[in-house]
Each structure stands twice: as structure tokens, then as C-alpha cells.
Amino acid sequence: MKTKTVNISLPPQVLEMIDLRARQEYKSRSDLIREAALEYVRKQNNWELFRLEAARRAKELGIRTEDDVEEMIDSMRRSRKR
């Protein structure tokens, strides 16, 4: 994999924590930061996909506001009590 070098600024305490974790996992500082950045981007992408799917489903169900959600929950609770 081709890589590019970037410079970042970190507080000394954060860099110490990164270095400690890298030593514990027998990784380089770069490997640890690279993996953390990739994990962050993947999680954000997953959340965005989840958000888009939830918005699609809400539209299908006619949910437009938080009040609609509360009304739907109340309605389900009322029907369960019967």
C-alpha cells in the first residue's frame, strides 16, 4: 500500500498514551495512528449508512418529527394493554 507522510500536532500527554499503547501492542506509532484513523472513518461511514436507512424507514412510516415517534410508541403501548 502506497502511503503519504502527514504532520499532526498532539498534546504531549496524548502522544505518551499513543506510544504506550503502541509498545503494548508491538506496533509502531504510525501503525497505531493509521489503524485508529481508519477505524474512526469506518465507524463514521457505518453511522452515516445507518442514519440514511433510518431516515428512509421513517419516511416510509410517515414519521416526520419526534412527536410522531412518541405518538407511535404511545399507540403501541395502548394496543398492548388491551
PDB file of N, CA and C in Angstrom:
ATOM      1  N   MET A   1       0.845  -1.171   0.000  1.00  0.00           N
ATOM      2  CA  MET A   1       0.000   0.000   0.000  1.00  0.00           C
ATOM      3  C   MET A   1       0.892   1.236   0.000  1.00  0.00           C
ATOM      4  N   LYS A   2       0.619   2.130  -0.936  1.00  0.00           N
ATOM      5  CA  LYS A   2       1.374   3.373  -1.000  1.00  0.00           C
ATOM      6  C   LYS A   2       0.905   4.302   0.113  1.00  0.00           C
ATOM      7  N   THR A   3       1.832   4.979   0.743  1.00  0.00           N
ATOM      8  CA  THR A   3       1.478   5.875   1.841  1.00  0.00           C
ATOM      9  C   THR A   3       1.998   7.268   1.571  1.00  0.00           C
ATOM     10  N   LYS A   4       1.398   8.233   2.264  1.00  0.00           N
ATOM     11  CA  LYS A   4       1.864   9.616   2.244  1.00  0.00           C
ATOM     12  C   LYS A   4       2.172  10.019   3.675  1.00  0.00           C
ATOM     13  N   THR A   5       3.147  10.848   3.832  1.00  0.00           N
ATOM     14  CA  THR A   5       3.519  11.345   5.147  1.00  0.00           C
ATOM     15  C   THR A   5       2.722  12.613   5.439  1.00  0.00           C
ATOM     16  N   VAL A   6       2.170  12.673   6.651  1.00  0.00           N
ATOM     17  CA  VAL A   6       1.453  13.865   7.098  1.00  0.00           C
ATOM     18  C   VAL A   6       1.993  14.271   8.458  1.00  0.00           C
ATOM     19  N   ASN A   7       1.834  15.515   8.778  1.00  0.00           N
ATOM     20  CA  ASN A   7       2.239  16.016  10.092  1.00  0.00           C
ATOM     21  C   ASN A   7       0.987  16.356  10.878  1.00  0.00           C
ATOM     22  N   ILE A   8       0.950  15.945  12.134  1.00  0.00           N
ATOM     23  CA  ILE A   8      -0.146  16.311  13.018  1.00  0.00           C
ATOM     24  C   ILE A   8       0.435  16.820  14.325  1.00  0.00           C
ATOM     25  N   SER A   9      -0.342  17.621  15.007  1.00  0.00           N
ATOM     26  CA  SER A   9       0.070  18.134  16.318  1.00  0.00           C
ATOM     27  C   SER A   9      -0.780  17.461  17.380  1.00  0.00           C
ATOM     28  N   LEU A  10      -0.120  16.958  18.407  1.00  0.00           N
ATOM     29  CA  LEU A  10      -0.808  16.295  19.506  1.00  0.00           C
ATOM     30  C   LEU A  10      -0.266  16.812  20.828  1.00  0.00           C
ATOM     31  N   PRO A  11      -1.127  16.908  21.824  1.00  0.00           N
ATOM     32  CA  PRO A  11      -0.610  17.258  23.155  1.00  0.00           C
ATOM     33  C   PRO A  11       0.348  16.161  23.621  1.00  0.00           C
ATOM     34  N   PRO A  12       1.374  16.538  24.375  1.00  0.00           N
ATOM     35  CA  PRO A  12       2.363  15.552  24.832  1.00  0.00           C
ATOM     36  C   PRO A  12       1.731  14.349  25.552  1.00  0.00           C
ATOM     37  N   GLN A  13       0.688  14.600  26.365  1.00  0.00           N
ATOM     38  CA  GLN A  13       0.066  13.506  27.106  1.00  0.00           C
ATOM     39  C   GLN A  13      -0.581  12.494  26.150  1.00  0.00           C
ATOM     40  N   VAL A  14      -1.176  12.988  25.079  1.00  0.00           N
ATOM     41  CA  VAL A  14      -1.812  12.097  24.096  1.00  0.00           C
ATOM     42  C   VAL A  14      -0.745  11.269  23.396  1.00  0.00           C
ATOM     43  N   LEU A  15       0.344  11.906  23.021  1.00  0.00           N
ATOM     44  CA  LEU A  15       1.427  11.180  22.363  1.00  0.00           C
ATOM     45  C   LEU A  15       2.014  10.111  23.286  1.00  0.00           C
ATOM     46  N   GLU A  16       2.121  10.418  24.570  1.00  0.00           N
ATOM     47  CA  GLU A  16       2.612   9.418  25.529  1.00  0.00           C
ATOM     48  C   GLU A  16       1.671   8.216  25.587  1.00  0.00           C
ATOM     49  N   MET A  17       0.354   8.481  25.591  1.00  0.00           N
ATOM     50  CA  MET A  17      -0.617   7.376  25.622  1.00  0.00           C
ATOM     51  C   MET A  17      -0.537   6.544  24.346  1.00  0.00           C
ATOM     52  N   ILE A  18      -0.357   7.215  23.217  1.00  0.00           N
ATOM     53  CA  ILE A  18      -0.227   6.505  21.937  1.00  0.00           C
ATOM     54  C   ILE A  18       1.022   5.636  21.953  1.00  0.00           C
ATOM     55  N   ASP A  19       2.126   6.206  22.389  1.00  0.00           N
ATOM     56  CA  ASP A  19       3.377   5.454  22.420  1.00  0.00           C
ATOM     57  C   ASP A  19       3.290   4.255  23.356  1.00  0.00           C
ATOM     58  N   LEU A  20       2.654   4.435  24.504  1.00  0.00           N
ATOM     59  CA  LEU A  20       2.493   3.333  25.449  1.00  0.00           C
ATOM     60  C   LEU A  20       1.664   2.213  24.820  1.00  0.00           C
ATOM     61  N   ARG A  21       0.532   2.594  24.224  1.00  0.00           N
ATOM     62  CA  ARG A  21      -0.332   1.582  23.606  1.00  0.00           C
ATOM     63  C   ARG A  21       0.398   0.895  22.459  1.00  0.00           C
ATOM     64  N   ALA A  22       1.145   1.638  21.668  1.00  0.00           N
ATOM     65  CA  ALA A  22       1.892   1.049  20.554  1.00  0.00           C
ATOM     66  C   ALA A  22       2.902   0.022  21.067  1.00  0.00           C
ATOM     67  N   ARG A  23       3.600   0.350  22.140  1.00  0.00           N
ATOM     68  CA  ARG A  23       4.558  -0.609  22.722  1.00  0.00           C
ATOM     69  C   ARG A  23       3.836  -1.856  23.231  1.00  0.00           C
ATOM     70  N   GLN A  24       2.697  -1.654  23.889  1.00  0.00           N
ATOM     71  CA  GLN A  24       1.938  -2.790  24.423  1.00  0.00           C
ATOM     72  C   GLN A  24       1.462  -3.736  23.312  1.00  0.00           C
ATOM     73  N   GLU A  25       1.184  -3.165  22.149  1.00  0.00           N
ATOM     74  CA  GLU A  25       0.680  -3.965  21.034  1.00  0.00           C
ATOM     75  C   GLU A  25       1.768  -4.311  20.019  1.00  0.00           C
ATOM     76  N   TYR A  26       3.026  -3.983  20.349  1.00  0.00           N
ATOM     77  CA  TYR A  26       4.162  -4.249  19.468  1.00  0.00           C
ATOM     78  C   TYR A  26       3.939  -3.664  18.077  1.00  0.00           C
ATOM     79  N   LYS A  27       3.506  -2.410  18.055  1.00  0.00           N
ATOM     80  CA  LYS A  27       3.257  -1.707  16.803  1.00  0.00           C
ATOM     81  C   LYS A  27       4.047  -0.415  16.803  1.00  0.00           C
ATOM     82  N   SER A  28       4.206   0.120  15.627  1.00  0.00           N
ATOM     83  CA  SER A  28       4.825   1.447  15.547  1.00  0.00           C
ATOM     84  C   SER A  28       3.767   2.510  15.850  1.00  0.00           C
ATOM     85  N   ARG A  29       4.225   3.677  16.184  1.00  0.00           N
ATOM     86  CA  ARG A  29       3.314   4.794  16.408  1.00  0.00           C
ATOM     87  C   ARG A  29       2.476   5.026  15.159  1.00  0.00           C
ATOM     88  N   SER A  30       3.118   5.009  14.001  1.00  0.00           N
ATOM     89  CA  SER A  30       2.391   5.227  12.745  1.00  0.00           C
ATOM     90  C   SER A  30       1.318   4.174  12.514  1.00  0.00           C
ATOM     91  N   ASP A  31       1.654   2.909  12.779  1.00  0.00           N
ATOM     92  CA  ASP A  31       0.664   1.841  12.599  1.00  0.00           C
ATOM     93  C   ASP A  31      -0.546   2.049  13.501  1.00  0.00           C
ATOM     94  N   LEU A  32      -0.279   2.402  14.761  1.00  0.00           N
ATOM     95  CA  LEU A  32      -1.371   2.592  15.703  1.00  0.00           C
ATOM     96  C   LEU A  32      -2.274   3.756  15.277  1.00  0.00           C
ATOM     97  N   ILE A  33      -1.676   4.886  14.911  1.00  0.00           N
ATOM     98  CA  ILE A  33      -2.457   6.048  14.496  1.00  0.00           C
ATOM     99  C   ILE A  33      -3.206   5.753  13.200  1.00  0.00           C
ATOM    100  N   ARG A  34      -2.561   5.058  12.268  1.00  0.00           N
ATOM    101  CA  ARG A  34      -3.201   4.690  10.997  1.00  0.00           C
ATOM    102  C   ARG A  34      -4.423   3.819  11.252  1.00  0.00           C
ATOM    103  N   GLU A  35      -4.272   2.804  12.105  1.00  0.00           N
ATOM    104  CA  GLU A  35      -5.393   1.915  12.416  1.00  0.00           C
ATOM    105  C   GLU A  35      -6.524   2.675  13.115  1.00  0.00           C
ATOM    106  N   ALA A  36      -6.170   3.570  14.032  1.00  0.00           N
ATOM    107  CA  ALA A  36      -7.186   4.337  14.749  1.00  0.00           C
ATOM    108  C   ALA A  36      -7.948   5.254  13.790  1.00  0.00           C
ATOM    109  N   ALA A  37      -7.236   5.892  12.882  1.00  0.00           N
ATOM    110  CA  ALA A  37      -7.888   6.785  11.916  1.00  0.00           C
ATOM    111  C   ALA A  37      -8.812   5.995  10.997  1.00  0.00           C
ATOM    112  N   LEU A  38      -8.359   4.839  10.544  1.00  0.00           N
ATOM    113  CA  LEU A  38      -9.180   4.011   9.672  1.00  0.00           C
ATOM    114  C   LEU A  38     -10.430   3.526  10.391  1.00  0.00           C
ATOM    115  N   GLU A  39     -10.278   3.120  11.635  1.00  0.00           N
ATOM    116  CA  GLU A  39     -11.425   2.672  12.435  1.00  0.00           C
ATOM    117  C   GLU A  39     -12.428   3.810  12.615  1.00  0.00           C
ATOM    118  N   TYR A  40     -11.926   4.999  12.877  1.00  0.00           N
ATOM    119  CA  TYR A  40     -12.803   6.154  13.041  1.00  0.00           C
ATOM    120  C   TYR A  40     -13.604   6.416  11.764  1.00  0.00           C
ATOM    121  N   VAL A  41     -12.921   6.419  10.632  1.00  0.00           N
ATOM    122  CA  VAL A  41     -13.599   6.676   9.354  1.00  0.00           C
ATOM    123  C   VAL A  41     -14.626   5.588   9.069  1.00  0.00           C
ATOM    124  N   ARG A  42     -14.286   4.343   9.315  1.00  0.00           N
ATOM    125  CA  ARG A  42     -15.240   3.243   9.098  1.00  0.00           C
ATOM    126  C   ARG A  42     -16.477   3.393   9.974  1.00  0.00           C
ATOM    127  N   LYS A  43     -16.276   3.719  11.249  1.00  0.00           N
ATOM    128  CA  LYS A  43     -17.418   3.903  12.156  1.00  0.00           C
ATOM    129  C   LYS A  43     -18.305   5.048  11.694  1.00  0.00           C
ATOM    130  N   GLN A  44     -17.688   6.144  11.281  1.00  0.00           N
ATOM    131  CA  GLN A  44     -18.472   7.283  10.806  1.00  0.00           C
ATOM    132  C   GLN A  44     -19.265   6.909   9.557  1.00  0.00           C
ATOM    133  N   ASN A  45     -18.654   6.149   8.662  1.00  0.00           N
ATOM    134  CA  ASN A  45     -19.358   5.705   7.462  1.00  0.00           C
ATOM    135  C   ASN A  45     -20.521   4.792   7.827  1.00  0.00           C
ATOM    136  N   ASN A  46     -20.307   3.891   8.781  1.00  0.00           N
ATOM    137  CA  ASN A  46     -21.384   2.997   9.213  1.00  0.00           C
ATOM    138  C   ASN A  46     -22.532   3.779   9.829  1.00  0.00           C
ATOM    139  N   TRP A  47     -22.202   4.779  10.657  1.00  0.00           N
ATOM    140  CA  TRP A  47     -23.253   5.609  11.263  1.00  0.00           C
ATOM    141  C   TRP A  47     -24.019   6.367  10.197  1.00  0.00           C
ATOM    142  N   GLU A  48     -23.326   6.853   9.174  1.00  0.00           N
ATOM    143  CA  GLU A  48     -23.988   7.591   8.107  1.00  0.00           C
ATOM    144  C   GLU A  48     -24.933   6.664   7.333  1.00  0.00           C
ATOM    145  N   LEU A  49     -24.488   5.441   7.056  1.00  0.00           N
ATOM    146  CA  LEU A  49     -25.367   4.479   6.381  1.00  0.00           C
ATOM    147  C   LEU A  49     -26.572   4.157   7.248  1.00  0.00           C
ATOM    148  N   PHE A  50     -26.358   3.981   8.552  1.00  0.00           N
ATOM    149  CA  PHE A  50     -27.454   3.713   9.475  1.00  0.00           C
ATOM    150  C   PHE A  50     -28.436   4.878   9.493  1.00  0.00           C
ATOM    151  N   ARG A  51     -27.904   6.101   9.555  1.00  0.00           N
ATOM    152  CA  ARG A  51     -28.750   7.288   9.583  1.00  0.00           C
ATOM    153  C   ARG A  51     -29.595   7.397   8.311  1.00  0.00           C
ATOM    154  N   LEU A  52     -28.979   7.122   7.167  1.00  0.00           N
ATOM    155  CA  LEU A  52     -29.716   7.193   5.905  1.00  0.00           C
ATOM    156  C   LEU A  52     -30.820   6.135   5.845  1.00  0.00           C
ATOM    157  N   GLU A  53     -30.525   4.928   6.314  1.00  0.00           N
ATOM    158  CA  GLU A  53     -31.528   3.861   6.330  1.00  0.00           C
ATOM    159  C   GLU A  53     -32.654   4.194   7.299  1.00  0.00           C
ATOM    160  N   ALA A  54     -32.296   4.731   8.456  1.00  0.00           N
ATOM    161  CA  ALA A  54     -33.320   5.112   9.435  1.00  0.00           C
ATOM    162  C   ALA A  54     -34.208   6.221   8.876  1.00  0.00           C
ATOM    163  N   ALA A  55     -33.623   7.174   8.176  1.00  0.00           N
ATOM    164  CA  ALA A  55     -34.413   8.256   7.578  1.00  0.00           C
ATOM    165  C   ALA A  55     -35.355   7.694   6.511  1.00  0.00           C
ATOM    166  N   ARG A  56     -34.882   6.748   5.731  1.00  0.00           N
ATOM    167  CA  ARG A  56     -35.726   6.124   4.705  1.00  0.00           C
ATOM    168  C   ARG A  56     -36.902   5.408   5.340  1.00  0.00           C
ATOM    169  N   ARG A  57     -36.624   4.627   6.399  1.00  0.00           N
ATOM    170  CA  ARG A  57     -37.691   3.891   7.084  1.00  0.00           C
ATOM    171  C   ARG A  57     -38.682   4.843   7.748  1.00  0.00           C
ATOM    172  N   ALA A  58     -38.175   5.903   8.356  1.00  0.00           N
ATOM    173  CA  ALA A  58     -39.053   6.879   8.997  1.00  0.00           C
ATOM    174  C   ALA A  58     -39.996   7.492   7.969  1.00  0.00           C
ATOM    175  N   LYS A  59     -39.466   7.796   6.804  1.00  0.00           N
ATOM    176  CA  LYS A  59     -40.301   8.371   5.739  1.00  0.00           C
ATOM    177  C   LYS A  59     -41.375   7.375   5.318  1.00  0.00           C
ATOM    178  N   GLU A  60     -41.000   6.110   5.182  1.00  0.00           N
ATOM    179  CA  GLU A  60     -41.966   5.057   4.821  1.00  0.00           C
ATOM    180  C   GLU A  60     -43.089   4.967   5.849  1.00  0.00           C
ATOM    181  N   LEU A  61     -42.730   5.140   7.125  1.00  0.00           N
ATOM    182  CA  LEU A  61     -43.711   5.021   8.202  1.00  0.00           C
ATOM    183  C   LEU A  61     -44.452   6.330   8.485  1.00  0.00           C
ATOM    184  N   GLY A  62     -44.101   7.367   7.763  1.00  0.00           N
ATOM    185  CA  GLY A  62     -44.763   8.651   7.966  1.00  0.00           C
ATOM    186  C   GLY A  62     -44.281   9.411   9.183  1.00  0.00           C
ATOM    187  N   ILE A  63     -43.106   9.090   9.655  1.00  0.00           N
ATOM    188  CA  ILE A  63     -42.531   9.762  10.824  1.00  0.00           C
ATOM    189  C   ILE A  63     -41.761  10.985  10.335  1.00  0.00           C
ATOM    190  N   ARG A  64     -42.166  12.153  10.827  1.00  0.00           N
ATOM    191  CA  ARG A  64     -41.510  13.385  10.409  1.00  0.00           C
ATOM    192  C   ARG A  64     -40.888  14.145  11.589  1.00  0.00           C
ATOM    193  N   THR A  65     -41.449  13.931  12.773  1.00  0.00           N
ATOM    194  CA  THR A  65     -40.956  14.666  13.945  1.00  0.00           C
ATOM    195  C   THR A  65     -40.807  13.709  15.128  1.00  0.00           C
ATOM    196  N   GLU A  66     -40.185  14.201  16.198  1.00  0.00           N
ATOM    197  CA  GLU A  66     -40.080  13.408  17.426  1.00  0.00           C
ATOM    198  C   GLU A  66     -41.461  13.141  18.006  1.00  0.00           C
ATOM    199  N   ASP A  67     -42.374  14.097  17.831  1.00  0.00           N
ATOM    200  CA  ASP A  67     -43.738  13.901  18.320  1.00  0.00           C
ATOM    201  C   ASP A  67     -44.391  12.705  17.632  1.00  0.00           C
ATOM    202  N   ASP A  68     -44.087  12.516  16.345  1.00  0.00           N
ATOM    203  CA  ASP A  68     -44.629  11.357  15.621  1.00  0.00           C
ATOM    204  C   ASP A  68     -44.127  10.053  16.240  1.00  0.00           C
ATOM    205  N   VAL A  69     -42.870  10.036  16.631  1.00  0.00           N
ATOM    206  CA  VAL A  69     -42.288   8.842  17.252  1.00  0.00           C
ATOM    207  C   VAL A  69     -42.977   8.584  18.591  1.00  0.00           C
ATOM    208  N   GLU A  70     -43.129   9.626  19.382  1.00  0.00           N
ATOM    209  CA  GLU A  70     -43.774   9.460  20.691  1.00  0.00           C
ATOM    210  C   GLU A  70     -45.210   8.970  20.533  1.00  0.00           C
ATOM    211  N   GLU A  71     -45.922   9.497  19.565  1.00  0.00           N
ATOM    212  CA  GLU A  71     -47.299   9.063  19.321  1.00  0.00           C
ATOM    213  C   GLU A  71     -47.337   7.600  18.889  1.00  0.00           C
ATOM    214  N   MET A  72     -46.394   7.194  18.070  1.00  0.00           N
ATOM    215  CA  MET A  72     -46.334   5.803  17.623  1.00  0.00           C
ATOM    216  C   MET A  72     -46.075   4.872  18.814  1.00  0.00           C
ATOM    217  N   ILE A  73     -45.158   5.265  19.688  1.00  0.00           N
ATOM    218  CA  ILE A  73     -44.846   4.460  20.873  1.00  0.00           C
ATOM    219  C   ILE A  73     -46.067   4.381  21.787  1.00  0.00           C
ATOM    220  N   ASP A  74     -46.706   5.522  22.028  1.00  0.00           N
ATOM    221  CA  ASP A  74     -47.909   5.542  22.877  1.00  0.00           C
ATOM    222  C   ASP A  74     -49.001   4.649  22.298  1.00  0.00           C
ATOM    223  N   SER A  75     -49.172   4.709  20.988  1.00  0.00           N
ATOM    224  CA  SER A  75     -50.190   3.894  20.325  1.00  0.00           C
ATOM    225  C   SER A  75     -49.899   2.404  20.497  1.00  0.00           C
ATOM    226  N   MET A  76     -48.629   2.028  20.339  1.00  0.00           N
ATOM    227  CA  MET A  76     -48.248   0.621  20.509  1.00  0.00           C
ATOM    228  C   MET A  76     -48.476   0.170  21.949  1.00  0.00           C
ATOM    229  N   ARG A  77     -48.147   1.025  22.903  1.00  0.00           N
ATOM    230  CA  ARG A  77     -48.348   0.676  24.310  1.00  0.00           C
ATOM    231  C   ARG A  77     -49.829   0.508  24.625  1.00  0.00           C
ATOM    232  N   ARG A  78     -50.659   1.397  24.075  1.00  0.00           N
ATOM    233  CA  ARG A  78     -52.104   1.293  24.306  1.00  0.00           C
ATOM    234  C   ARG A  78     -52.649  -0.008  23.729  1.00  0.00           C
ATOM    235  N   SER A  79     -52.168  -0.374  22.544  1.00  0.00           N
ATOM    236  CA  SER A  79     -52.685  -1.602  21.915  1.00  0.00           C
ATOM    237  C   SER A  79     -52.226  -2.851  22.658  1.00  0.00           C
ATOM    238  N   ARG A  80     -51.070  -2.825  23.313  1.00  0.00           N
ATOM    239  CA  ARG A  80     -50.574  -3.958  24.072  1.00  0.00           C
ATOM    240  C   ARG A  80     -51.351  -4.159  25.371  1.00  0.00           C
ATOM    241  N   LYS A  81     -51.859  -3.055  25.924  1.00  0.00           N
ATOM    242  CA  LYS A  81     -52.609  -3.131  27.179  1.00  0.00           C
ATOM    243  C   LYS A  81     -53.973  -3.777  26.982  1.00  0.00           C
ATOM    244  N   ARG A  82     -54.459  -3.768  25.781  1.00  0.00           N
ATOM    245  CA  ARG A  82     -55.802  -4.308  25.502  1.00  0.00           C
ATOM    246  C   ARG A  82     -55.805  -5.794  25.487  1.00  0.00           C
TER     247      ARG A  82
END
